[in-house]
Amino acid sequence: MLARAKTKAVAAGHTNVEFVAAALGEGKLPANRFDRVVLVTVLGEIPNRAAAFTELFGALKPGGVLAIVELVFDPHFQSRSTVTKLAISTGLGERAFFGHRLAYVIHFEKPDGG
């Protein structure tokens, strides 16, 4: 999936995109590195979601955005309330919500002072 996304980014001429395959929650992401992080239907497959959110918070630059995509057809679907509780517990604030309870994207933002 990452190779496919990378091919599309290159074809579109995007040069400021970095694709990272990582076991979230193990503390291996660099601090204050990313402006945007996107997780598409993967959150439910992460064993320690609280540790993953803590790591993502640290990896985002101040003002950075974490986008979470969930679809009810994913066998590991996470509800909006579950995702929001995890994000808020690490210091992220909800910025935007698109969709409905069965298919959605939520944007969370790291505070500028965080």
Protein backbone atom coordinates (compact mmCIF):
# COMPACT_ATOMS: atom_id res chain seq x y z
CA MET A 1 0.00 0.00 0.00
CA LEU A 2 2.81 2.43 0.82
CA ALA A 3 4.55 1.67 -2.49
CA ARG A 4 1.34 2.44 -4.36
CA ALA A 5 0.87 5.73 -2.51
CA LYS A 6 4.51 6.67 -3.09
CA THR A 7 4.15 5.99 -6.83
CA LYS A 8 1.12 8.28 -6.97
CA ALA A 9 2.88 11.04 -5.03
CA VAL A 10 5.90 10.90 -7.35
CA ALA A 11 3.66 10.89 -10.44
CA ALA A 12 1.87 13.97 -9.12
CA GLY A 13 5.21 15.75 -8.61
CA HIS A 14 5.01 15.89 -4.81
CA THR A 15 8.53 16.00 -3.42
CA ASN A 16 7.83 16.84 0.22
CA VAL A 17 6.08 13.58 1.12
CA GLU A 18 7.66 10.92 3.30
CA PHE A 19 6.20 7.44 3.70
CA VAL A 20 7.03 5.57 6.88
CA ALA A 21 6.23 1.99 7.77
CA ALA A 22 6.53 1.71 11.54
CA ALA A 23 5.22 -0.33 14.44
CA LEU A 24 3.47 2.52 16.22
CA GLY A 25 3.87 2.65 19.94
CA GLU A 26 7.47 1.44 20.00
CA GLY A 27 8.90 4.98 20.17
CA LYS A 28 10.81 4.83 16.89
CA LEU A 29 9.33 7.87 15.14
CA PRO A 30 11.47 11.02 15.21
CA ALA A 31 10.25 13.89 17.41
CA ASN A 32 8.67 16.99 15.85
CA ARG A 33 9.23 15.68 12.31
CA PHE A 34 5.86 15.60 10.55
CA ASP A 35 3.39 18.29 9.50
CA ARG A 36 0.73 15.68 8.70
CA VAL A 37 0.20 12.04 9.61
CA VAL A 38 -2.52 9.90 8.00
CA LEU A 39 -3.76 6.56 9.35
CA VAL A 40 -6.27 4.80 7.09
CA THR A 41 -8.19 1.89 8.65
CA VAL A 42 -5.17 0.78 10.66
CA LEU A 43 -5.83 2.03 14.18
CA GLY A 44 -7.74 -1.07 15.30
CA GLU A 45 -4.80 -3.29 14.37
CA ILE A 46 -2.34 -1.48 16.65
CA PRO A 47 -1.95 -3.47 19.90
CA ASN A 48 -1.23 -0.49 22.17
CA ARG A 49 -3.25 2.39 20.77
CA ALA A 50 -2.51 4.69 23.74
CA ALA A 51 1.24 4.31 23.16
CA ALA A 52 0.71 4.84 19.42
CA PHE A 53 -1.12 8.14 20.01
CA THR A 54 1.58 9.28 22.42
CA GLU A 55 4.22 8.53 19.79
CA LEU A 56 2.22 10.26 17.05
CA PHE A 57 1.77 13.33 19.25
CA GLY A 58 5.52 13.52 19.74
CA ALA A 59 6.25 12.98 16.04
CA LEU A 60 3.97 15.83 14.93
CA LYS A 61 5.34 19.33 14.72
CA PRO A 62 3.43 21.98 16.71
CA GLY A 63 0.30 22.75 14.68
CA GLY A 64 0.63 19.38 12.91
CA VAL A 65 -2.45 17.37 11.98
CA LEU A 66 -3.23 13.69 12.51
CA ALA A 67 -5.92 12.38 10.15
CA ILE A 68 -7.70 9.17 11.14
CA VAL A 69 -9.85 7.37 8.55
CA GLU A 70 -12.25 4.63 9.67
CA LEU A 71 -14.77 2.59 7.66
CA VAL A 72 -17.31 0.23 9.19
CA PHE A 73 -16.37 -2.45 6.64
CA ASP A 74 -12.94 -2.74 8.27
CA PRO A 75 -13.09 -5.68 10.71
CA HIS A 76 -11.09 -3.59 13.22
CA PHE A 77 -13.34 -0.51 12.94
CA GLN A 78 -12.91 2.05 15.72
CA SER A 79 -15.81 4.29 16.71
CA ARG A 80 -15.49 8.06 16.66
CA SER A 81 -15.78 8.23 20.45
CA THR A 82 -12.97 5.69 20.93
CA VAL A 83 -10.66 7.54 18.56
CA THR A 84 -11.50 10.94 20.02
CA LYS A 85 -10.88 9.77 23.62
CA LEU A 86 -7.45 8.44 22.62
CA ALA A 87 -6.51 11.62 20.78
CA ILE A 88 -7.66 13.99 23.51
CA SER A 89 -5.92 11.95 26.21
CA THR A 90 -2.57 12.67 24.50
CA GLY A 91 -3.16 16.39 24.09
CA LEU A 92 -4.48 16.52 20.53
CA GLY A 93 -7.56 18.64 19.82
CA GLU A 94 -10.26 17.82 17.29
CA ARG A 95 -9.98 20.14 14.31
CA ALA A 96 -12.47 18.73 11.79
CA PHE A 97 -14.84 15.82 11.20
CA PHE A 98 -16.04 14.54 7.83
CA GLY A 99 -18.53 11.76 7.20
CA HIS A 100 -20.85 9.96 9.59
CA ARG A 101 -20.67 7.25 12.27
CA LEU A 102 -20.00 4.42 9.78
CA ALA A 103 -17.37 6.08 7.59
CA TYR A 104 -15.42 9.12 8.65
CA VAL A 105 -12.23 11.14 8.72
CA ILE A 106 -11.24 13.07 11.83
CA HIS A 107 -8.46 15.64 11.88
CA PHE A 108 -6.73 16.19 15.22
CA GLU A 109 -4.25 19.01 15.74
CA LYS A 110 -1.22 19.26 17.99
CA PRO A 111 -1.33 22.59 19.83
CA ASP A 112 1.22 25.18 18.70
CA GLY A 113 2.69 25.26 22.18
CA GLY A 114 2.82 21.44 22.49
